[in-house]
């Protein structure tokens, strides 16, 4: 076998093995999920699992919430079989989960950002996926915000779970640029999604999510 033939053989073998891995069925979804505005099933599911998975690896009692972006979720999750390939299609980027200790100014800017995206129409970037945070918007005004089960209090310290992309100001989150107190988890968001749904499958639990009014907009 020549060098070229050997290389082609190895490449074909690698490609076949990769196909086997990517087509592996990780779990089953009870419903089709997509992004939405002011909330969507896919965003709710992924922010919830990100919040749960990240808090599990921490030792403090800080007030955590999670914020991601619809633009980073590149396709929908189908009802039925969910393969590893599908998770890579939803989250093709190597975005790392990070934790930011937010300043009061950053939190206020974040609230305004969530409100403005929640009022957008007919855009894939409309809406902001959140978990651990609830916001009521009346018309164009924010009426109440809850973090966890308690109403937001500017005297408290809050930590936001997000991605390094957003922490660096991605998707117009310029108010996060220059954050000095960032904890890098070393965990890719894609890996967290895969590990979570595999764990559910090991417990004979199918993938599901609900719309629960976490971002509630009243005209």
N, C-alpha and C. Protein backbone atom coordinates (compact mmCIF):
# COMPACT_ATOMS: atom_id res chain seq x y z
N UNK A 1 0.85 -1.20 0.00
CA UNK A 1 0.00 0.00 0.00
C UNK A 1 0.88 1.25 0.00
N UNK A 2 0.61 2.16 -0.95
CA UNK A 2 1.40 3.38 -1.04
C UNK A 2 1.04 4.33 0.08
N UNK A 3 1.87 5.38 0.24
CA UNK A 3 1.61 6.38 1.28
C UNK A 3 0.27 7.05 1.06
N UNK A 4 -0.06 7.40 -0.20
CA UNK A 4 -1.33 8.05 -0.50
C UNK A 4 -2.51 7.13 -0.21
N UNK A 5 -2.36 5.86 -0.59
CA UNK A 5 -3.42 4.89 -0.33
C UNK A 5 -3.63 4.70 1.17
N UNK A 6 -2.51 4.68 1.92
CA UNK A 6 -2.59 4.52 3.37
C UNK A 6 -3.30 5.71 4.00
N UNK A 7 -2.98 6.92 3.52
CA UNK A 7 -3.61 8.13 4.05
C UNK A 7 -5.10 8.15 3.74
N UNK A 8 -5.46 7.75 2.50
CA UNK A 8 -6.87 7.71 2.11
C UNK A 8 -7.63 6.67 2.94
N UNK A 9 -6.97 5.54 3.22
CA UNK A 9 -7.59 4.49 4.03
C UNK A 9 -7.86 5.00 5.44
N UNK A 10 -6.87 5.66 6.03
CA UNK A 10 -7.03 6.19 7.39
C UNK A 10 -8.10 7.27 7.45
N UNK A 11 -8.14 8.12 6.41
CA UNK A 11 -9.13 9.18 6.36
C UNK A 11 -10.55 8.60 6.26
N UNK A 12 -10.70 7.57 5.43
CA UNK A 12 -12.00 6.93 5.27
C UNK A 12 -12.42 6.26 6.57
N UNK A 13 -11.46 5.60 7.23
CA UNK A 13 -11.75 4.92 8.49
C UNK A 13 -12.16 5.94 9.56
N UNK A 14 -11.45 7.06 9.61
CA UNK A 14 -11.77 8.12 10.57
C UNK A 14 -13.16 8.69 10.30
N UNK A 15 -13.46 8.92 9.00
CA UNK A 15 -14.75 9.47 8.62
C UNK A 15 -15.89 8.54 9.01
N UNK A 16 -15.69 7.25 8.81
CA UNK A 16 -16.71 6.27 9.17
C UNK A 16 -16.94 6.24 10.69
N UNK A 17 -15.84 6.29 11.45
CA UNK A 17 -15.95 6.29 12.91
C UNK A 17 -16.65 7.56 13.39
N UNK A 18 -16.32 8.69 12.76
CA UNK A 18 -16.95 9.96 13.13
C UNK A 18 -18.45 9.92 12.86
N UNK A 19 -18.84 9.33 11.73
CA UNK A 19 -20.26 9.21 11.41
C UNK A 19 -21.00 8.38 12.45
N UNK A 20 -20.37 7.30 12.91
CA UNK A 20 -20.97 6.45 13.93
C UNK A 20 -21.20 7.25 15.21
N UNK A 21 -20.17 8.01 15.61
CA UNK A 21 -20.28 8.82 16.83
C UNK A 21 -21.34 9.91 16.70
N UNK A 22 -21.37 10.59 15.56
CA UNK A 22 -22.29 11.71 15.39
C UNK A 22 -23.73 11.25 15.24
N UNK A 23 -23.93 10.03 14.76
CA UNK A 23 -25.29 9.51 14.58
C UNK A 23 -25.79 8.76 15.80
N UNK A 24 -25.01 8.74 16.87
CA UNK A 24 -25.43 8.09 18.10
C UNK A 24 -26.67 8.78 18.67
N UNK A 25 -27.68 7.99 19.02
CA UNK A 25 -28.90 8.54 19.62
C UNK A 25 -28.65 8.74 21.11
N UNK A 26 -28.75 9.99 21.57
CA UNK A 26 -28.45 10.34 22.96
C UNK A 26 -29.69 10.29 23.85
N UNK A 27 -30.83 10.62 23.26
CA UNK A 27 -32.07 10.65 24.04
C UNK A 27 -33.22 10.88 23.06
N UNK A 28 -34.40 11.10 23.59
CA UNK A 28 -35.58 11.36 22.76
C UNK A 28 -36.29 12.60 23.30
N UNK A 29 -36.75 13.43 22.39
CA UNK A 29 -37.46 14.64 22.80
C UNK A 29 -38.97 14.41 22.66
N UNK A 30 -39.70 14.82 23.68
CA UNK A 30 -41.15 14.65 23.67
C UNK A 30 -41.86 15.63 22.76
N UNK A 31 -41.16 16.68 22.36
CA UNK A 31 -41.78 17.69 21.50
C UNK A 31 -40.71 18.40 20.68
N UNK A 32 -41.14 19.05 19.63
CA UNK A 32 -40.23 19.87 18.84
C UNK A 32 -39.98 21.18 19.59
N UNK A 33 -38.73 21.62 19.62
CA UNK A 33 -38.39 22.84 20.34
C UNK A 33 -37.65 23.81 19.42
N UNK A 34 -38.01 25.07 19.53
CA UNK A 34 -37.32 26.11 18.78
C UNK A 34 -37.20 27.35 19.67
N UNK A 35 -36.45 28.32 19.20
CA UNK A 35 -36.33 29.58 19.93
C UNK A 35 -37.64 30.35 19.79
N UNK A 36 -37.80 31.40 20.57
CA UNK A 36 -39.01 32.20 20.49
C UNK A 36 -38.83 33.53 21.18
N UNK A 37 -39.85 34.36 21.09
CA UNK A 37 -39.84 35.68 21.71
C UNK A 37 -41.22 35.96 22.28
N UNK A 38 -41.35 36.33 23.55
CA UNK A 38 -40.25 36.64 24.49
C UNK A 38 -39.57 35.42 25.11
N UNK A 39 -40.11 34.21 24.90
CA UNK A 39 -39.42 33.00 25.33
C UNK A 39 -39.72 31.88 24.35
N UNK A 40 -38.89 30.84 24.38
CA UNK A 40 -39.09 29.70 23.50
C UNK A 40 -38.71 28.42 24.22
N UNK A 41 -39.24 27.31 23.75
CA UNK A 41 -38.98 26.02 24.39
C UNK A 41 -37.49 25.68 24.38
N UNK A 42 -36.82 25.89 23.25
CA UNK A 42 -35.41 25.53 23.16
C UNK A 42 -34.56 26.37 24.09
N UNK A 43 -34.81 27.67 24.11
CA UNK A 43 -34.06 28.55 25.00
C UNK A 43 -34.30 28.22 26.46
N UNK A 44 -35.54 27.92 26.82
CA UNK A 44 -35.86 27.55 28.20
C UNK A 44 -35.12 26.27 28.59
N UNK A 45 -35.15 25.28 27.71
CA UNK A 45 -34.50 24.01 28.01
C UNK A 45 -33.00 24.18 28.20
N UNK A 46 -32.35 24.89 27.30
CA UNK A 46 -30.89 24.98 27.35
C UNK A 46 -30.42 25.89 28.48
N UNK A 47 -31.11 27.00 28.74
CA UNK A 47 -30.70 27.84 29.87
C UNK A 47 -30.94 27.13 31.20
N UNK A 48 -32.04 26.38 31.30
CA UNK A 48 -32.31 25.64 32.53
C UNK A 48 -31.21 24.62 32.81
N UNK A 49 -30.84 23.86 31.79
CA UNK A 49 -29.81 22.82 32.02
C UNK A 49 -28.46 23.46 32.29
N UNK A 50 -28.20 24.61 31.67
CA UNK A 50 -26.92 25.30 31.90
C UNK A 50 -26.84 25.80 33.34
N UNK A 51 -27.93 26.37 33.83
CA UNK A 51 -27.99 26.84 35.21
C UNK A 51 -27.82 25.68 36.18
N UNK A 52 -28.57 24.61 35.98
CA UNK A 52 -28.51 23.45 36.87
C UNK A 52 -27.11 22.83 36.87
N UNK A 53 -26.56 22.62 35.68
CA UNK A 53 -25.25 21.96 35.57
C UNK A 53 -24.14 22.79 36.18
N UNK A 54 -24.20 24.11 36.00
CA UNK A 54 -23.13 24.98 36.50
C UNK A 54 -23.19 25.11 38.01
N UNK A 55 -24.39 25.33 38.55
CA UNK A 55 -24.52 25.47 40.00
C UNK A 55 -24.07 24.19 40.71
N UNK A 56 -24.29 23.06 40.09
CA UNK A 56 -23.90 21.78 40.68
C UNK A 56 -22.39 21.73 40.94
N UNK A 57 -21.64 22.49 40.14
CA UNK A 57 -20.17 22.47 40.27
C UNK A 57 -19.62 23.61 41.12
N UNK A 58 -20.51 24.35 41.80
CA UNK A 58 -20.04 25.46 42.64
C UNK A 58 -20.31 25.17 44.10
N UNK A 59 -19.60 25.88 45.00
CA UNK A 59 -19.78 25.65 46.45
C UNK A 59 -20.37 26.81 47.21
N UNK A 60 -20.79 27.88 46.53
CA UNK A 60 -21.29 29.02 47.31
C UNK A 60 -22.80 29.17 47.15
N UNK A 61 -23.35 30.09 47.92
CA UNK A 61 -24.79 30.31 47.93
C UNK A 61 -25.18 31.61 47.24
N UNK A 62 -24.37 32.00 46.28
CA UNK A 62 -24.65 33.25 45.56
C UNK A 62 -25.96 33.14 44.78
N UNK A 63 -26.48 34.29 44.37
CA UNK A 63 -27.71 34.34 43.59
C UNK A 63 -27.36 34.25 42.11
N UNK A 64 -27.61 33.09 41.55
CA UNK A 64 -27.23 32.83 40.16
C UNK A 64 -28.43 32.91 39.22
N UNK A 65 -28.17 33.33 38.00
CA UNK A 65 -29.14 33.17 36.92
C UNK A 65 -28.35 32.98 35.62
N UNK A 66 -29.03 32.52 34.59
CA UNK A 66 -28.36 32.22 33.32
C UNK A 66 -28.98 33.04 32.19
N UNK A 67 -28.12 33.57 31.34
CA UNK A 67 -28.55 34.30 30.15
C UNK A 67 -27.74 33.82 28.96
N UNK A 68 -28.42 33.41 27.90
CA UNK A 68 -27.75 33.04 26.65
C UNK A 68 -28.30 33.91 25.53
N UNK A 69 -28.14 33.49 24.29
CA UNK A 69 -28.68 34.29 23.18
C UNK A 69 -29.27 33.38 22.11
N UNK A 70 -30.40 33.80 21.57
CA UNK A 70 -31.07 33.01 20.53
C UNK A 70 -30.22 32.87 19.28
N UNK A 71 -29.41 33.89 18.99
CA UNK A 71 -28.58 33.82 17.79
C UNK A 71 -27.55 32.70 17.85
N UNK A 72 -27.22 32.26 19.06
CA UNK A 72 -26.24 31.18 19.20
C UNK A 72 -26.84 29.80 19.05
N UNK A 73 -28.16 29.70 19.06
CA UNK A 73 -28.84 28.41 18.89
C UNK A 73 -29.25 28.32 17.43
N UNK A 74 -28.49 27.56 16.66
CA UNK A 74 -28.54 27.69 15.20
C UNK A 74 -29.66 26.94 14.50
N UNK A 75 -30.30 26.01 15.18
CA UNK A 75 -31.41 25.29 14.58
C UNK A 75 -32.31 24.75 15.67
N UNK A 76 -33.42 24.16 15.29
CA UNK A 76 -34.38 23.64 16.27
C UNK A 76 -34.02 22.22 16.70
N UNK A 77 -34.66 21.79 17.78
CA UNK A 77 -34.51 20.41 18.26
C UNK A 77 -35.78 19.66 17.86
N UNK A 78 -35.64 18.56 17.11
CA UNK A 78 -36.84 17.87 16.63
C UNK A 78 -37.48 16.99 17.69
N UNK A 79 -38.74 16.69 17.49
CA UNK A 79 -39.40 15.67 18.32
C UNK A 79 -38.86 14.31 17.90
N UNK A 80 -38.65 13.44 18.87
CA UNK A 80 -38.16 12.11 18.57
C UNK A 80 -36.68 11.95 18.87
N UNK A 81 -36.00 11.18 18.06
CA UNK A 81 -34.59 10.88 18.29
C UNK A 81 -33.73 12.15 18.28
N UNK A 82 -32.83 12.24 19.25
CA UNK A 82 -31.88 13.35 19.31
C UNK A 82 -30.48 12.76 19.24
N UNK A 83 -29.79 13.04 18.16
CA UNK A 83 -28.44 12.51 17.96
C UNK A 83 -27.38 13.52 18.40
N UNK A 84 -26.17 13.03 18.55
CA UNK A 84 -25.04 13.91 18.86
C UNK A 84 -24.88 14.94 17.74
N UNK A 85 -25.10 14.53 16.50
CA UNK A 85 -24.98 15.44 15.37
C UNK A 85 -25.94 16.62 15.51
N UNK A 86 -27.16 16.34 15.96
CA UNK A 86 -28.14 17.41 16.10
C UNK A 86 -27.69 18.44 17.14
N UNK A 87 -27.08 18.00 18.22
CA UNK A 87 -26.61 18.96 19.24
C UNK A 87 -25.48 19.82 18.66
N UNK A 88 -24.62 19.22 17.84
CA UNK A 88 -23.57 20.00 17.18
C UNK A 88 -24.17 21.01 16.20
N UNK A 89 -25.29 20.64 15.57
CA UNK A 89 -25.95 21.58 14.65
C UNK A 89 -26.57 22.74 15.42
N UNK A 90 -27.15 22.44 16.58
CA UNK A 90 -27.75 23.49 17.41
C UNK A 90 -26.67 24.41 17.97
N UNK A 91 -25.58 23.83 18.44
CA UNK A 91 -24.50 24.60 19.07
C UNK A 91 -23.17 24.22 18.41
N UNK A 92 -22.89 24.80 17.23
CA UNK A 92 -21.65 24.44 16.51
C UNK A 92 -20.40 25.14 17.03
N UNK A 93 -20.58 26.11 17.93
CA UNK A 93 -19.47 26.93 18.39
C UNK A 93 -18.85 26.35 19.66
N UNK A 94 -17.55 26.55 19.82
CA UNK A 94 -16.85 26.10 21.03
C UNK A 94 -16.94 27.17 22.11
N UNK A 95 -18.16 27.51 22.49
CA UNK A 95 -18.38 28.54 23.51
C UNK A 95 -18.26 27.92 24.90
N UNK A 96 -17.46 28.57 25.75
CA UNK A 96 -17.24 28.10 27.12
C UNK A 96 -18.25 28.75 28.07
N UNK A 97 -18.69 27.98 29.05
CA UNK A 97 -19.56 28.53 30.09
C UNK A 97 -18.69 29.31 31.07
N UNK A 98 -19.09 30.54 31.37
CA UNK A 98 -18.38 31.37 32.33
C UNK A 98 -19.38 31.94 33.32
N UNK A 99 -18.86 32.43 34.45
CA UNK A 99 -19.68 33.06 35.49
C UNK A 99 -19.15 34.46 35.72
N UNK A 100 -20.06 35.45 35.65
CA UNK A 100 -19.66 36.84 35.83
C UNK A 100 -20.29 37.40 37.09
N UNK A 101 -19.46 38.01 37.96
CA UNK A 101 -19.97 38.79 39.09
C UNK A 101 -20.37 40.16 38.54
N UNK A 102 -21.67 40.40 38.45
CA UNK A 102 -22.15 41.62 37.80
C UNK A 102 -22.13 42.83 38.72
N UNK A 103 -21.81 43.97 38.14
CA UNK A 103 -21.95 45.23 38.86
C UNK A 103 -23.40 45.69 38.76
N UNK A 104 -23.79 46.63 39.59
CA UNK A 104 -25.15 47.17 39.54
C UNK A 104 -25.43 47.79 38.17
N UNK A 105 -24.47 48.49 37.61
CA UNK A 105 -24.65 49.12 36.30
C UNK A 105 -24.86 48.05 35.22
N UNK A 106 -24.09 46.97 35.27
CA UNK A 106 -24.23 45.91 34.29
C UNK A 106 -25.60 45.23 34.38
N UNK A 107 -26.08 45.03 35.60
CA UNK A 107 -27.39 44.41 35.77
C UNK A 107 -28.48 45.29 35.17
N UNK A 108 -28.41 46.59 35.42
CA UNK A 108 -29.41 47.49 34.86
C UNK A 108 -29.36 47.50 33.34
N UNK A 109 -28.15 47.50 32.78
CA UNK A 109 -28.00 47.44 31.33
C UNK A 109 -28.54 46.12 30.79
N UNK A 110 -28.32 45.04 31.53
CA UNK A 110 -28.82 43.73 31.11
C UNK A 110 -30.35 43.72 31.07
N UNK A 111 -30.98 44.29 32.08
CA UNK A 111 -32.44 44.33 32.11
C UNK A 111 -32.98 45.08 30.89
N UNK A 112 -32.34 46.19 30.57
CA UNK A 112 -32.76 46.98 29.40
C UNK A 112 -32.56 46.18 28.12
N UNK A 113 -31.46 45.45 28.04
CA UNK A 113 -31.15 44.61 26.88
C UNK A 113 -32.23 43.54 26.70
N UNK A 114 -32.56 42.84 27.80
CA UNK A 114 -33.58 41.79 27.73
C UNK A 114 -34.92 42.37 27.31
N UNK A 115 -35.26 43.52 27.88
CA UNK A 115 -36.53 44.15 27.51
C UNK A 115 -36.56 44.50 26.03
N UNK A 116 -35.49 45.12 25.52
CA UNK A 116 -35.48 45.56 24.12
C UNK A 116 -35.54 44.36 23.17
N UNK A 117 -34.84 43.28 23.49
CA UNK A 117 -34.88 42.08 22.64
C UNK A 117 -36.24 41.39 22.73
N UNK A 118 -36.90 41.51 23.87
CA UNK A 118 -38.22 40.89 24.06
C UNK A 118 -39.30 41.63 23.28
N UNK A 119 -39.04 42.88 22.92
CA UNK A 119 -40.01 43.67 22.17
C UNK A 119 -39.76 43.63 20.67
N UNK A 120 -38.67 42.96 20.26
CA UNK A 120 -38.36 42.84 18.84
C UNK A 120 -39.33 41.88 18.16
N UNK A 121 -39.52 42.04 16.87
CA UNK A 121 -40.40 41.17 16.10
C UNK A 121 -39.68 40.64 14.87
N UNK A 122 -40.05 39.43 14.48
CA UNK A 122 -39.62 38.84 13.21
C UNK A 122 -38.11 38.88 13.01
N UNK A 123 -37.37 38.45 14.02
CA UNK A 123 -35.92 38.35 13.92
C UNK A 123 -35.48 37.13 14.71
N UNK A 124 -34.52 36.40 14.18
CA UNK A 124 -34.01 35.24 14.92
C UNK A 124 -33.30 35.68 16.19
N UNK A 125 -32.91 36.93 16.27
CA UNK A 125 -32.25 37.45 17.46
C UNK A 125 -33.23 38.04 18.46
N UNK A 126 -34.51 38.00 18.15
CA UNK A 126 -35.52 38.52 19.07
C UNK A 126 -35.64 37.58 20.26
N UNK A 127 -35.86 38.15 21.43
CA UNK A 127 -35.97 37.35 22.64
C UNK A 127 -34.61 37.02 23.23
N UNK A 128 -34.59 36.79 24.55
CA UNK A 128 -33.36 36.43 25.26
C UNK A 128 -33.65 35.21 26.13
N UNK A 129 -33.00 34.08 25.88
CA UNK A 129 -33.21 32.90 26.72
C UNK A 129 -32.63 33.12 28.12
N UNK A 130 -33.44 32.91 29.14
CA UNK A 130 -32.99 33.11 30.52
C UNK A 130 -33.48 31.96 31.39
N UNK A 131 -32.78 31.77 32.50
CA UNK A 131 -33.22 30.82 33.53
C UNK A 131 -32.83 31.40 34.89
N UNK A 132 -33.71 31.22 35.88
CA UNK A 132 -33.45 31.79 37.19
C UNK A 132 -33.78 33.26 37.27
N UNK A 133 -34.35 33.79 36.21
CA UNK A 133 -34.72 35.20 36.14
C UNK A 133 -36.12 35.29 35.54
N UNK A 134 -36.98 36.11 36.11
CA UNK A 134 -38.31 36.36 35.57
C UNK A 134 -38.51 37.87 35.45
N UNK A 135 -39.09 38.27 34.36
CA UNK A 135 -39.29 39.70 34.12
C UNK A 135 -40.70 39.96 33.60
N UNK A 136 -41.38 40.93 34.18
CA UNK A 136 -42.68 41.39 33.69
C UNK A 136 -42.48 42.71 32.98
N UNK A 137 -42.96 42.78 31.74
CA UNK A 137 -42.86 44.00 30.95
C UNK A 137 -44.28 44.46 30.62
N UNK A 138 -44.62 45.67 31.03
CA UNK A 138 -45.92 46.26 30.71
C UNK A 138 -45.71 47.35 29.68
N UNK A 139 -46.21 47.10 28.47
CA UNK A 139 -45.97 48.04 27.39
C UNK A 139 -44.50 48.05 27.04
N UNK A 140 -43.85 49.17 27.32
CA UNK A 140 -42.40 49.26 27.08
C UNK A 140 -41.62 49.43 28.37
N UNK A 141 -42.28 49.20 29.50
CA UNK A 141 -41.64 49.42 30.79
C UNK A 141 -41.49 48.10 31.56
N UNK A 142 -40.37 47.95 32.25
CA UNK A 142 -40.16 46.80 33.12
C UNK A 142 -40.88 47.07 34.43
N UNK A 143 -41.79 46.19 34.81
CA UNK A 143 -42.54 46.41 36.05
C UNK A 143 -41.93 45.65 37.22
N UNK A 144 -41.49 44.40 36.98
CA UNK A 144 -40.88 43.64 38.09
C UNK A 144 -39.86 42.66 37.53
N UNK A 145 -38.83 42.40 38.34
CA UNK A 145 -37.83 41.39 38.01
C UNK A 145 -37.59 40.53 39.23
N UNK A 146 -37.64 39.23 39.03
CA UNK A 146 -37.30 38.28 40.09
C UNK A 146 -36.06 37.51 39.69
N UNK A 147 -35.17 37.30 40.65
CA UNK A 147 -34.02 36.42 40.44
C UNK A 147 -34.14 35.32 41.48
N UNK A 148 -34.21 34.08 41.00
CA UNK A 148 -34.59 33.00 41.89
C UNK A 148 -36.05 33.17 42.25
N UNK A 149 -36.35 33.13 43.52
CA UNK A 149 -37.74 33.30 43.96
C UNK A 149 -37.98 34.66 44.62
N UNK A 150 -36.96 35.51 44.59
CA UNK A 150 -37.08 36.81 45.27
C UNK A 150 -36.97 37.95 44.27
N UNK A 151 -37.70 39.03 44.58
CA UNK A 151 -37.65 40.19 43.72
C UNK A 151 -36.24 40.79 43.74
N UNK A 152 -35.83 41.29 42.59
CA UNK A 152 -34.48 41.86 42.47
C UNK A 152 -34.27 42.97 43.50
N UNK A 153 -33.10 42.94 44.13
CA UNK A 153 -32.71 43.93 45.13
C UNK A 153 -31.31 44.40 44.80
N UNK A 154 -31.17 45.69 44.53
CA UNK A 154 -29.87 46.20 44.10
C UNK A 154 -28.80 46.08 45.18
N UNK A 155 -29.21 45.79 46.40
CA UNK A 155 -28.24 45.62 47.48
C UNK A 155 -27.58 44.24 47.44
N UNK A 156 -28.18 43.31 46.71
CA UNK A 156 -27.62 41.95 46.64
C UNK A 156 -26.57 41.85 45.55
N UNK A 157 -25.74 40.83 45.67
CA UNK A 157 -24.73 40.54 44.65
C UNK A 157 -25.24 39.38 43.80
N UNK A 158 -25.12 39.52 42.49
CA UNK A 158 -25.64 38.51 41.58
C UNK A 158 -24.54 38.01 40.64
N UNK A 159 -24.64 36.73 40.31
CA UNK A 159 -23.71 36.11 39.38
C UNK A 159 -24.48 35.58 38.18
N UNK A 160 -24.01 35.93 37.00
CA UNK A 160 -24.67 35.48 35.77
C UNK A 160 -23.85 34.39 35.10
N UNK A 161 -24.52 33.31 34.77
CA UNK A 161 -23.92 32.22 34.01
C UNK A 161 -24.21 32.50 32.53
N UNK A 162 -23.17 32.51 31.72
CA UNK A 162 -23.34 32.80 30.30
C UNK A 162 -22.19 32.14 29.53
N UNK A 163 -21.91 32.62 28.34
CA UNK A 163 -20.79 32.08 27.56
C UNK A 163 -19.68 33.12 27.43
N UNK A 164 -18.49 32.66 27.12
CA UNK A 164 -17.38 33.59 26.93
C UNK A 164 -17.65 34.54 25.76
N UNK A 165 -18.39 34.08 24.77
CA UNK A 165 -18.73 34.94 23.63
C UNK A 165 -19.53 36.14 24.10
N UNK A 166 -20.56 35.92 24.90
CA UNK A 166 -21.38 37.03 25.38
C UNK A 166 -20.63 37.86 26.41
N UNK A 167 -19.81 37.20 27.25
CA UNK A 167 -19.03 37.93 28.25
C UNK A 167 -18.05 38.91 27.60
N UNK A 168 -17.67 38.62 26.36
CA UNK A 168 -16.76 39.52 25.64
C UNK A 168 -17.51 40.56 24.82
N UNK A 169 -18.83 40.67 25.05
CA UNK A 169 -19.61 41.70 24.37
C UNK A 169 -20.32 41.24 23.12
N UNK A 170 -20.33 39.92 22.87
CA UNK A 170 -21.00 39.40 21.68
C UNK A 170 -22.48 39.67 21.69
N UNK A 171 -23.08 39.68 20.48
CA UNK A 171 -24.51 39.92 20.28
C UNK A 171 -24.95 41.24 20.93
N UNK A 172 -24.09 42.23 20.81
CA UNK A 172 -24.37 43.60 21.30
C UNK A 172 -24.48 43.70 22.82
N UNK A 173 -23.90 42.76 23.54
CA UNK A 173 -23.84 42.89 25.00
C UNK A 173 -22.57 43.64 25.39
N UNK A 174 -22.44 44.85 24.84
CA UNK A 174 -21.23 45.65 25.06
C UNK A 174 -21.01 45.97 26.53
N UNK A 175 -22.08 46.00 27.31
CA UNK A 175 -21.96 46.35 28.73
C UNK A 175 -21.21 45.29 29.53
N UNK A 176 -20.98 44.12 28.93
CA UNK A 176 -20.21 43.09 29.63
C UNK A 176 -18.71 43.16 29.33
N UNK A 177 -18.35 43.93 28.31
CA UNK A 177 -16.93 44.05 27.97
C UNK A 177 -16.15 44.61 29.14
N UNK A 178 -14.97 44.06 29.37
CA UNK A 178 -14.12 44.57 30.43
C UNK A 178 -14.49 44.08 31.82
N UNK A 179 -15.40 43.11 31.90
CA UNK A 179 -15.74 42.55 33.22
C UNK A 179 -14.47 41.97 33.84
N UNK A 180 -14.23 42.32 35.09
CA UNK A 180 -12.97 41.91 35.73
C UNK A 180 -13.11 40.66 36.58
N UNK A 181 -14.32 40.33 36.98
CA UNK A 181 -14.50 39.18 37.86
C UNK A 181 -15.25 38.08 37.11
N UNK A 182 -14.51 37.33 36.28
CA UNK A 182 -15.08 36.25 35.48
C UNK A 182 -14.45 34.93 35.90
N UNK A 183 -15.28 33.94 36.15
CA UNK A 183 -14.80 32.59 36.45
C UNK A 183 -14.98 31.72 35.21
N UNK A 184 -13.89 31.14 34.73
CA UNK A 184 -13.94 30.24 33.58
C UNK A 184 -14.15 28.81 34.08
N UNK A 185 -15.20 28.17 33.60
CA UNK A 185 -15.49 26.80 34.05
C UNK A 185 -14.69 25.75 33.29
N UNK A 186 -14.21 26.11 32.10
CA UNK A 186 -13.51 25.13 31.27
C UNK A 186 -14.46 24.14 30.59
N UNK A 187 -15.77 24.39 30.69
CA UNK A 187 -16.77 23.49 30.12
C UNK A 187 -17.43 24.16 28.91
N UNK A 188 -17.42 23.48 27.78
CA UNK A 188 -18.11 24.01 26.61
C UNK A 188 -19.61 23.84 26.79
N UNK A 189 -20.36 24.84 26.34
CA UNK A 189 -21.82 24.77 26.43
C UNK A 189 -22.33 23.53 25.71
N UNK A 190 -21.79 23.24 24.56
CA UNK A 190 -22.22 22.06 23.80
C UNK A 190 -22.03 20.78 24.60
N UNK A 191 -20.89 20.67 25.29
CA UNK A 191 -20.63 19.47 26.10
C UNK A 191 -21.60 19.39 27.27
N UNK A 192 -21.94 20.54 27.85
CA UNK A 192 -22.90 20.55 28.97
C UNK A 192 -24.26 20.06 28.50
N UNK A 193 -24.67 20.48 27.29
CA UNK A 193 -25.95 20.03 26.74
C UNK A 193 -25.94 18.52 26.54
N UNK A 194 -24.88 18.02 25.91
CA UNK A 194 -24.78 16.58 25.64
C UNK A 194 -24.77 15.79 26.94
N UNK A 195 -23.96 16.21 27.90
CA UNK A 195 -23.87 15.47 29.16
C UNK A 195 -25.20 15.45 29.90
N UNK A 196 -25.92 16.56 29.85
CA UNK A 196 -27.20 16.65 30.56
C UNK A 196 -28.24 15.72 29.94
N UNK A 197 -28.35 15.72 28.62
CA UNK A 197 -29.39 14.89 28.01
C UNK A 197 -29.03 13.41 28.08
N UNK A 198 -27.72 13.10 28.10
CA UNK A 198 -27.30 11.71 28.31
C UNK A 198 -27.65 11.27 29.73
N UNK A 199 -27.43 12.15 30.70
CA UNK A 199 -27.78 11.84 32.09
C UNK A 199 -29.29 11.60 32.22
N UNK A 200 -30.09 12.44 31.56
CA UNK A 200 -31.54 12.21 31.56
C UNK A 200 -31.87 10.84 31.00
N UNK A 201 -31.23 10.50 29.89
CA UNK A 201 -31.49 9.21 29.26
C UNK A 201 -31.13 8.05 30.18
N UNK A 202 -30.02 8.19 30.91
CA UNK A 202 -29.61 7.15 31.85
C UNK A 202 -30.65 6.95 32.95
N UNK A 203 -31.42 8.01 33.22
CA UNK A 203 -32.47 7.94 34.24
C UNK A 203 -33.85 7.67 33.63
N UNK A 204 -33.83 7.30 32.34
CA UNK A 204 -35.08 7.02 31.60
C UNK A 204 -36.02 8.22 31.56
N UNK A 205 -35.43 9.41 31.45
CA UNK A 205 -36.20 10.65 31.36
C UNK A 205 -36.02 11.24 29.96
N UNK A 206 -37.10 11.48 29.26
CA UNK A 206 -37.02 12.08 27.93
C UNK A 206 -36.87 13.60 28.05
N UNK A 207 -36.43 14.22 26.96
CA UNK A 207 -36.22 15.66 26.92
C UNK A 207 -37.57 16.37 26.79
N UNK A 208 -37.76 17.41 27.58
CA UNK A 208 -38.99 18.18 27.49
C UNK A 208 -38.75 19.59 28.04
N UNK A 209 -39.66 20.49 27.76
CA UNK A 209 -39.59 21.86 28.26
C UNK A 209 -40.97 22.47 28.17
N UNK A 210 -41.17 23.56 28.90
CA UNK A 210 -42.45 24.26 28.90
C UNK A 210 -42.23 25.76 28.79
N UNK A 211 -43.22 26.45 28.26
CA UNK A 211 -43.26 27.91 28.32
C UNK A 211 -43.92 28.27 29.65
N UNK A 212 -43.24 29.06 30.46
CA UNK A 212 -43.75 29.31 31.82
C UNK A 212 -43.88 30.79 32.17
N UNK A 213 -43.75 31.66 31.18
CA UNK A 213 -43.94 33.08 31.44
C UNK A 213 -42.77 33.75 32.12
N UNK A 214 -41.58 33.18 31.97
CA UNK A 214 -40.41 33.79 32.64
C UNK A 214 -40.12 35.18 32.11
N UNK A 215 -40.39 35.39 30.85
CA UNK A 215 -40.40 36.76 30.31
C UNK A 215 -41.82 37.03 29.84
N UNK A 216 -42.52 37.88 30.58
CA UNK A 216 -43.93 38.11 30.32
C UNK A 216 -44.15 39.53 29.82
N UNK A 217 -44.66 39.63 28.60
CA UNK A 217 -44.89 40.96 28.02
C UNK A 217 -46.38 41.20 27.84
N UNK A 218 -46.90 42.21 28.51
CA UNK A 218 -48.29 42.61 28.37
C UNK A 218 -48.34 43.91 27.59
N UNK A 219 -49.15 43.94 26.55
CA UNK A 219 -49.26 45.16 25.72
C UNK A 219 -49.87 46.31 26.52
